[in-house]
Amino acid sequence: MKILKNFVALWVYLLAFQFSFAQQPATTEVQPPPENYTLRERFSIMKAKAQTFKEYKVVKESVLDGVWKITRDSLLAKDVAIRDAKKTIAQLNAQVADAKTAMQKKEQSVAASLHDSTHISVLGIDFDKNVFLTIVAILVAGLAFVIVTFIGRMKVITKSLHEKKLTINMLTNEYEEYKRRAMEKQTKLSRELQDERNKLSSIRNS
């Protein structure tokens, strides 16, 4: 595209230079290349070089054709430049769109990473980490309370069982002691009864 621009500019320059050189007398100094002139400057030059007839300006047809050709070439060059600029703008717009898309993907990735860093999924349920830690702390505290309560109750039950065992042992010992005394008393009574029987038998026999 740059080569095409240079070619168009060189072509316009040669045409303008040829037109300017053909219109000047042999003794006139060579003017600067007209491609640097604006359309207003070219019109002024054409008007200055035109012959005057009363209030009219007489311009040669060849000069008008040359000016028209230069003007047309200049407009064509501007059209080419405009098309190139539009292409460049379209490319830049595409690059901006790609950059926006990449930025959106980056933002989504950052948002996902931030969400993952602040949330946790448990059993398919999404929790905020702070909320999850609070729930876990409450559950652990509740479980600890239940365990402590259970241990306390177990201690109370164990102590009660131990006391009952001691009571049972004491009652058992008292029963055994009572049973032993009763047996001794029964044995003593049996002996006394037997003695009485023996005495009675001796009295009967005598």
Protein backbone atom coordinates (compact mmCIF):
# COMPACT_ATOMS: atom_id res chain seq x y z
CA MET A 1 0.00 0.00 0.00
CA LYS A 2 2.87 2.37 0.79
CA ILE A 3 4.43 1.60 -2.61
CA LEU A 4 1.10 2.46 -4.28
CA LYS A 5 0.98 5.78 -2.43
CA ASN A 6 4.53 6.61 -3.51
CA PHE A 7 3.71 5.67 -7.09
CA VAL A 8 0.59 7.87 -7.16
CA ALA A 9 2.47 10.79 -5.62
CA LEU A 10 5.31 10.44 -8.13
CA TRP A 11 2.86 10.27 -11.01
CA VAL A 12 1.02 13.39 -9.85
CA TYR A 13 4.33 15.14 -9.36
CA LEU A 14 5.49 14.34 -12.90
CA LEU A 15 2.19 15.46 -14.44
CA ALA A 16 2.15 18.68 -12.48
CA PHE A 17 5.78 19.38 -13.21
CA GLN A 18 5.23 18.78 -16.93
CA PHE A 19 2.14 21.03 -16.92
CA SER A 20 3.97 23.79 -15.05
CA PHE A 21 7.03 23.59 -17.28
CA ALA A 22 4.95 23.71 -20.47
CA GLN A 23 3.10 26.88 -19.35
CA GLN A 24 6.24 28.88 -18.41
CA PRO A 25 8.38 30.93 -20.82
CA ALA A 26 11.90 29.77 -21.44
CA THR A 27 13.35 32.65 -19.43
CA THR A 28 11.13 31.98 -16.36
CA GLU A 29 12.69 30.26 -13.35
CA VAL A 30 11.48 26.76 -12.61
CA GLN A 31 8.77 26.84 -9.91
CA PRO A 32 8.76 24.40 -6.99
CA PRO A 33 6.93 21.10 -7.55
CA PRO A 34 3.17 21.75 -7.41
CA GLU A 35 2.32 18.59 -5.48
CA ASN A 36 2.97 20.51 -2.29
CA TYR A 37 0.42 23.17 -3.26
CA THR A 38 -3.08 23.16 -1.92
CA LEU A 39 -6.02 23.41 -4.30
CA ARG A 40 -6.46 27.08 -3.29
CA GLU A 41 -2.79 27.78 -4.07
CA ARG A 42 -3.07 26.05 -7.43
CA PHE A 43 -6.18 28.08 -8.24
CA SER A 44 -4.36 31.28 -7.27
CA ILE A 45 -1.41 30.39 -9.52
CA MET A 46 -3.75 29.60 -12.41
CA LYS A 47 -5.60 32.89 -11.86
CA ALA A 48 -2.35 34.86 -11.66
CA LYS A 49 -1.05 33.38 -14.91
CA ALA A 50 -4.34 33.85 -16.76
CA GLN A 51 -4.71 36.76 -19.24
CA THR A 52 -7.13 39.57 -18.43
CA PHE A 53 -9.80 40.80 -20.79
CA LYS A 54 -11.82 43.59 -19.20
CA GLU A 55 -13.29 42.05 -16.05
CA TYR A 56 -12.74 38.51 -17.35
CA LYS A 57 -9.89 36.10 -16.93
CA VAL A 58 -8.92 34.12 -19.99
CA VAL A 59 -7.49 30.71 -19.19
CA LYS A 60 -6.25 28.31 -21.78
CA GLU A 61 -8.21 25.09 -22.07
CA SER A 62 -5.04 23.07 -21.73
CA VAL A 63 -4.35 24.84 -18.44
CA LEU A 64 -7.84 24.07 -17.21
CA ASP A 65 -7.43 20.43 -18.25
CA GLY A 66 -4.09 20.26 -16.48
CA VAL A 67 -5.48 21.81 -13.34
CA TRP A 68 -8.46 19.49 -13.46
CA LYS A 69 -6.18 16.48 -13.92
CA ILE A 70 -3.99 17.56 -11.02
CA THR A 71 -7.08 18.19 -8.90
CA ARG A 72 -8.55 14.82 -9.84
CA ASP A 73 -5.26 13.05 -9.12
CA SER A 74 -5.07 14.84 -5.80
CA LEU A 75 -8.63 13.80 -4.95
CA LEU A 76 -7.86 10.23 -6.01
CA ALA A 77 -4.77 10.24 -3.82
CA LYS A 78 -6.88 11.54 -0.94
CA ASP A 79 -9.47 8.82 -1.63
CA VAL A 80 -6.72 6.21 -1.51
CA ALA A 81 -5.41 7.73 1.71
CA ILE A 82 -8.95 7.74 3.14
CA ARG A 83 -9.48 4.10 2.16
CA ASP A 84 -6.15 3.19 3.72
CA ALA A 85 -7.10 5.12 6.83
CA LYS A 86 -10.45 3.33 6.96
CA LYS A 87 -8.70 -0.02 6.63
CA THR A 88 -6.27 0.98 9.36
CA ILE A 89 -9.18 2.13 11.53
CA ALA A 90 -11.01 -1.16 10.88
CA GLN A 91 -7.86 -3.09 11.83
CA LEU A 92 -7.45 -0.98 14.94
CA ASN A 93 -11.12 -1.50 15.82
CA ALA A 94 -10.65 -5.24 15.40
CA GLN A 95 -7.56 -5.11 17.61
CA VAL A 96 -9.49 -3.07 20.19
CA ALA A 97 -12.35 -5.60 20.07
CA ASP A 98 -9.86 -8.45 20.51
CA ALA A 99 -8.25 -6.58 23.38
CA LYS A 100 -11.66 -6.01 24.99
CA THR A 101 -12.50 -9.71 24.59
CA ALA A 102 -9.16 -10.71 26.08
CA MET A 103 -9.70 -8.21 28.91
CA GLN A 104 -13.19 -9.59 29.59
CA LYS A 105 -11.81 -13.14 29.65
CA LYS A 106 -9.04 -11.97 31.96
CA GLU A 107 -11.56 -10.26 34.24
CA GLN A 108 -13.73 -13.39 34.26
CA SER A 109 -10.66 -15.51 35.07
CA VAL A 110 -9.66 -13.14 37.88
CA ALA A 111 -13.26 -13.09 39.18
CA ALA A 112 -13.34 -16.92 39.09
CA SER A 113 -9.99 -17.11 40.89
CA LEU A 114 -11.19 -14.59 43.48
CA HIS A 115 -14.44 -16.55 43.94
CA ASP A 116 -12.50 -19.81 44.33
CA SER A 117 -10.20 -18.17 46.87
CA THR A 118 -13.13 -16.94 48.99
CA HIS A 119 -15.61 -19.81 48.56
CA ILE A 120 -15.65 -23.55 49.12
CA SER A 121 -17.96 -26.22 47.74
CA VAL A 122 -19.23 -28.89 50.14
CA LEU A 123 -21.64 -31.58 48.95
CA GLY A 124 -22.37 -29.47 45.86
CA ILE A 125 -23.26 -26.41 47.95
CA ASP A 126 -21.22 -23.23 47.48
CA PHE A 127 -20.25 -21.57 50.78
CA ASP A 128 -18.33 -18.45 51.59
CA LYS A 129 -15.21 -19.56 53.44
CA ASN A 130 -15.89 -17.29 56.40
CA VAL A 131 -19.48 -18.54 56.64
CA PHE A 132 -18.30 -22.15 56.27
CA LEU A 133 -15.66 -21.70 58.98
CA THR A 134 -18.29 -20.13 61.25
CA ILE A 135 -20.67 -23.06 60.66
CA VAL A 136 -17.87 -25.57 61.27
CA ALA A 137 -16.83 -23.75 64.46
CA ILE A 138 -20.45 -23.81 65.70
CA LEU A 139 -20.77 -27.52 64.87
CA VAL A 140 -17.47 -28.34 66.56
CA ALA A 141 -18.45 -26.30 69.63
CA GLY A 142 -21.84 -28.05 69.72
CA LEU A 143 -20.20 -31.46 69.33
CA ALA A 144 -17.68 -30.61 72.05
CA PHE A 145 -20.53 -29.53 74.34
CA VAL A 146 -22.39 -32.78 73.65
CA ILE A 147 -19.24 -34.82 74.31
CA VAL A 148 -18.48 -32.94 77.52
CA THR A 149 -22.09 -33.34 78.65
CA PHE A 150 -22.01 -37.05 77.79
CA ILE A 151 -18.73 -37.51 79.66
CA GLY A 152 -20.15 -35.65 82.65
CA ARG A 153 -23.26 -37.81 82.64
CA MET A 154 -21.11 -40.92 82.28
CA LYS A 155 -19.08 -39.85 85.28
CA VAL A 156 -22.26 -39.27 87.27
CA ILE A 157 -23.64 -42.64 86.18
CA THR A 158 -20.33 -44.34 86.94
CA LYS A 159 -20.20 -42.75 90.36
CA SER A 160 -23.82 -43.74 91.00
CA LEU A 161 -23.10 -47.31 89.89
CA HIS A 162 -20.05 -47.42 92.10
CA GLU A 163 -22.09 -46.19 95.06
CA LYS A 164 -24.81 -48.72 94.31
CA LYS A 165 -22.19 -51.44 94.04
CA LEU A 166 -20.79 -50.42 97.40
CA THR A 167 -24.32 -50.44 98.84
CA ILE A 168 -24.99 -53.88 97.37
CA ASN A 169 -21.69 -55.17 98.72
CA MET A 170 -22.50 -53.75 102.13
CA LEU A 171 -25.99 -55.28 102.08
CA THR A 172 -24.53 -58.56 100.89
CA ASN A 173 -22.02 -58.53 103.72
CA GLU A 174 -24.74 -57.67 106.22
CA TYR A 175 -26.91 -60.48 104.81
CA GLU A 176 -24.05 -62.96 105.01
CA GLU A 177 -23.34 -61.82 108.56
CA TYR A 178 -27.03 -62.13 109.44
CA LYS A 179 -27.17 -65.52 107.77
CA ARG A 180 -24.07 -66.68 109.65
CA ARG A 181 -25.49 -65.50 112.95
CA ALA A 182 -28.82 -67.10 112.17
CA MET A 183 -27.08 -70.37 111.39
CA GLU A 184 -25.10 -70.17 114.59
CA LYS A 185 -28.28 -69.38 116.53
CA GLN A 186 -30.10 -72.24 114.81
CA THR A 187 -27.22 -74.58 115.59
CA LYS A 188 -27.20 -73.44 119.21
CA LEU A 189 -30.94 -73.89 119.47
CA SER A 190 -30.67 -77.32 117.88
CA ARG A 191 -28.04 -78.32 120.39
CA GLU A 192 -30.10 -77.00 123.28
CA LEU A 193 -33.12 -78.83 121.90
CA GLN A 194 -31.10 -82.00 121.60
CA ASP A 195 -29.86 -81.60 125.13
CA GLU A 196 -33.38 -81.15 126.34
CA ARG A 197 -34.42 -84.22 124.44
CA ASN A 198 -31.57 -86.17 125.92
CA LYS A 199 -32.52 -85.02 129.40
CA LEU A 200 -36.13 -85.95 128.77
CA SER A 201 -35.07 -89.32 127.49
CA SER A 202 -32.87 -89.91 130.55
CA ILE A 203 -35.73 -89.00 132.86
CA ARG A 204 -38.05 -91.41 131.08
CA ASN A 205 -35.54 -94.21 131.20
CA SER A 206 -34.88 -93.77 134.91
